[in-house]
C-alpha atoms as a PDB file:
ATOM      1  CA  MET A   1      -3.332  -0.530 -38.940  1.00  0.00           C
ATOM      2  CA  ILE A   2      -4.596  -0.269 -35.380  1.00  0.00           C
ATOM      3  CA  THR A   3      -4.048  -3.081 -32.892  1.00  0.00           C
ATOM      4  CA  LEU A   4      -5.128  -3.387 -29.268  1.00  0.00           C
ATOM      5  CA  GLN A   5      -3.739  -6.291 -27.266  1.00  0.00           C
ATOM      6  CA  ASN A   6      -5.217  -7.202 -23.882  1.00  0.00           C
ATOM      7  CA  VAL A   7      -6.053  -3.534 -23.142  1.00  0.00           C
ATOM      8  CA  HIS A   8      -7.452  -2.691 -19.699  1.00  0.00           C
ATOM      9  CA  LYS A   9      -8.900   0.678 -18.639  1.00  0.00           C
ATOM     10  CA  GLN A  10     -10.532   1.758 -15.414  1.00  0.00           C
ATOM     11  CA  PHE A  11     -11.328   4.933 -13.513  1.00  0.00           C
ATOM     12  CA  GLY A  12     -10.813   4.336  -9.803  1.00  0.00           C
ATOM     13  CA  PRO A  13     -12.676   1.135  -8.929  1.00  0.00           C
ATOM     14  CA  LYS A  14     -14.851   1.257 -12.092  1.00  0.00           C
ATOM     15  CA  VAL A  15     -13.558  -1.077 -14.815  1.00  0.00           C
ATOM     16  CA  LEU A  16     -14.602   0.222 -18.244  1.00  0.00           C
ATOM     17  CA  PHE A  17     -13.058  -2.594 -20.247  1.00  0.00           C
ATOM     18  CA  GLN A  18     -10.482  -5.320 -19.822  1.00  0.00           C
ATOM     19  CA  GLY A  19      -8.850  -7.836 -22.088  1.00  0.00           C
ATOM     20  CA  VAL A  20      -9.769  -5.904 -25.243  1.00  0.00           C
ATOM     21  CA  ASN A  21      -8.185  -7.363 -28.378  1.00  0.00           C
ATOM     22  CA  PHE A  22      -8.815  -5.649 -31.675  1.00  0.00           C
ATOM     23  CA  HIS A  23      -7.144  -5.419 -35.079  1.00  0.00           C
ATOM     24  CA  LEU A  24      -8.196  -2.981 -37.788  1.00  0.00           C
ATOM     25  CA  LYS A  25      -6.529  -3.268 -41.194  1.00  0.00           C
ATOM     26  CA  PRO A  26      -5.747  -0.264 -43.418  1.00  0.00           C
ATOM     27  CA  GLY A  27      -8.874   0.941 -45.206  1.00  0.00           C
ATOM     28  CA  GLU A  28     -11.331  -0.699 -42.807  1.00  0.00           C
ATOM     29  CA  LYS A  29     -13.885   1.515 -41.095  1.00  0.00           C
ATOM     30  CA  VAL A  30     -15.519   0.805 -37.752  1.00  0.00           C
ATOM     31  CA  GLY A  31     -18.414   2.254 -35.811  1.00  0.00           C
ATOM     32  CA  LEU A  32     -18.667   1.605 -32.092  1.00  0.00           C
ATOM     33  CA  VAL A  33     -22.104   1.455 -30.475  1.00  0.00           C
ATOM     34  CA  GLY A  34     -23.266   0.752 -26.946  1.00  0.00           C
ATOM     35  CA  GLU A  35     -25.002   2.133 -23.902  1.00  0.00           C
ATOM     36  CA  ASN A  36     -23.930   5.323 -22.147  1.00  0.00           C
ATOM     37  CA  GLY A  37     -20.977   4.892 -19.814  1.00  0.00           C
ATOM     38  CA  MET A  38     -19.714   1.687 -21.411  1.00  0.00           C
ATOM     39  CA  GLY A  39     -16.378   3.229 -22.444  1.00  0.00           C
ATOM     40  CA  LYS A  40     -16.839   3.885 -26.177  1.00  0.00           C
ATOM     41  CA  THR A  41     -15.411   7.402 -26.127  1.00  0.00           C
ATOM     42  CA  THR A  42     -12.686   6.332 -23.716  1.00  0.00           C
ATOM     43  CA  LEU A  43     -11.681   3.513 -26.071  1.00  0.00           C
ATOM     44  CA  PHE A  44     -11.311   5.993 -28.928  1.00  0.00           C
ATOM     45  CA  ARG A  45      -9.350   8.323 -26.635  1.00  0.00           C
ATOM     46  CA  VAL A  46      -7.054   5.391 -25.809  1.00  0.00           C
ATOM     47  CA  ILE A  47      -6.515   4.712 -29.531  1.00  0.00           C
ATOM     48  CA  LEU A  48      -5.773   8.412 -30.104  1.00  0.00           C
ATOM     49  CA  GLY A  49      -3.234   8.375 -27.256  1.00  0.00           C
ATOM     50  CA  LEU A  50      -5.266  10.807 -25.143  1.00  0.00           C
ATOM     51  CA  GLU A  51      -5.906   8.305 -22.314  1.00  0.00           C
ATOM     52  CA  PRO A  52      -3.378   5.974 -20.694  1.00  0.00           C
ATOM     53  CA  VAL A  53      -4.240   2.309 -20.108  1.00  0.00           C
ATOM     54  CA  GLU A  54      -3.677   0.237 -16.980  1.00  0.00           C
ATOM     55  CA  ALA A  55      -2.471  -2.758 -18.986  1.00  0.00           C
ATOM     56  CA  GLY A  56      -2.052  -3.944 -22.542  1.00  0.00           C
ATOM     57  CA  GLN A  57      -0.633  -2.453 -25.685  1.00  0.00           C
ATOM     58  CA  VAL A  58      -2.061  -0.060 -28.270  1.00  0.00           C
ATOM     59  CA  THR A  59      -0.330   0.170 -31.655  1.00  0.00           C
ATOM     60  CA  VAL A  60      -1.346   2.707 -34.285  1.00  0.00           C
ATOM     61  CA  ARG A  61       0.596   2.598 -37.541  1.00  0.00           C
ATOM     62  CA  LYS A  62       2.374   5.841 -38.321  1.00  0.00           C
ATOM     63  CA  GLY A  63       0.216   7.861 -40.712  1.00  0.00           C
ATOM     64  CA  ALA A  64      -3.022   6.071 -39.793  1.00  0.00           C
ATOM     65  CA  GLN A  65      -6.065   8.350 -39.813  1.00  0.00           C
ATOM     66  CA  VAL A  66      -8.331   8.093 -36.784  1.00  0.00           C
ATOM     67  CA  ALA A  67     -11.326  10.390 -36.363  1.00  0.00           C
ATOM     68  CA  LEU A  68     -13.596  10.858 -33.373  1.00  0.00           C
ATOM     69  CA  LEU A  69     -16.878  12.722 -33.603  1.00  0.00           C
ATOM     70  CA  GLY A  70     -17.961  13.541 -30.064  1.00  0.00           C
ATOM     71  CA  GLN A  71     -21.479  13.953 -28.737  1.00  0.00           C
ATOM     72  CA  GLU A  72     -21.149  17.711 -28.636  1.00  0.00           C
ATOM     73  CA  LEU A  73     -20.524  19.176 -32.078  1.00  0.00           C
ATOM     74  CA  GLU A  74     -18.048  22.012 -31.868  1.00  0.00           C
ATOM     75  CA  SER A  75     -18.840  24.928 -34.097  1.00  0.00           C
ATOM     76  CA  GLY A  76     -16.220  25.843 -36.617  1.00  0.00           C
ATOM     77  CA  PRO A  77     -15.732  26.845 -40.214  1.00  0.00           C
ATOM     78  CA  GLY A  78     -17.437  24.937 -42.995  1.00  0.00           C
ATOM     79  CA  SER A  79     -20.488  22.752 -43.349  1.00  0.00           C
ATOM     80  CA  LEU A  80     -20.862  19.264 -41.920  1.00  0.00           C
ATOM     81  CA  LEU A  81     -20.226  17.819 -45.398  1.00  0.00           C
ATOM     82  CA  GLU A  82     -16.991  19.814 -45.694  1.00  0.00           C
ATOM     83  CA  ARG A  83     -15.838  18.475 -42.320  1.00  0.00           C
ATOM     84  CA  VAL A  84     -16.582  14.871 -43.290  1.00  0.00           C
ATOM     85  CA  VAL A  85     -14.791  15.312 -46.627  1.00  0.00           C
ATOM     86  CA  LEU A  86     -11.772  16.736 -44.827  1.00  0.00           C
ATOM     87  CA  GLY A  87     -11.518  13.631 -42.634  1.00  0.00           C
ATOM     88  CA  ASP A  88     -11.890  10.930 -45.300  1.00  0.00           C
ATOM     89  CA  PRO A  89     -10.275  11.008 -48.759  1.00  0.00           C
ATOM     90  CA  HIS A  90     -12.962   8.627 -50.118  1.00  0.00           C
ATOM     91  CA  PHE A  91     -15.626  11.257 -49.481  1.00  0.00           C
ATOM     92  CA  ARG A  92     -13.600  13.831 -51.410  1.00  0.00           C
ATOM     93  CA  SER A  93     -14.185  11.901 -54.632  1.00  0.00           C
ATOM     94  CA  VAL A  94     -17.874  11.435 -53.751  1.00  0.00           C
ATOM     95  CA  LYS A  95     -18.248  15.193 -53.307  1.00  0.00           C
ATOM     96  CA  GLU A  96     -16.574  15.810 -56.669  1.00  0.00           C
ATOM     97  CA  ASP A  97     -19.145  13.506 -58.299  1.00  0.00           C
ATOM     98  CA  MET A  98     -22.059  15.455 -56.770  1.00  0.00           C
END
């Protein structure tokens, strides 16, 4: 479970988002789309606890799995499929069926 209540984030005078309310139940998956500079990556960084907020509350249930795939793919061991499978147990069973 991930819950955001009245979350506000800005950098200097630039307000990225304010009054964000969001609730994601266990097992739900979400994709976030929008124009460059709208705060999508920052919102994920807030959920991951990597960015502080000016106001509001972010609650992430202990044990919740949150993944962020940035614009720049970092090289590392394994194929893209192996990385996806590592991040989502559902895909593990799909790979086994392949």
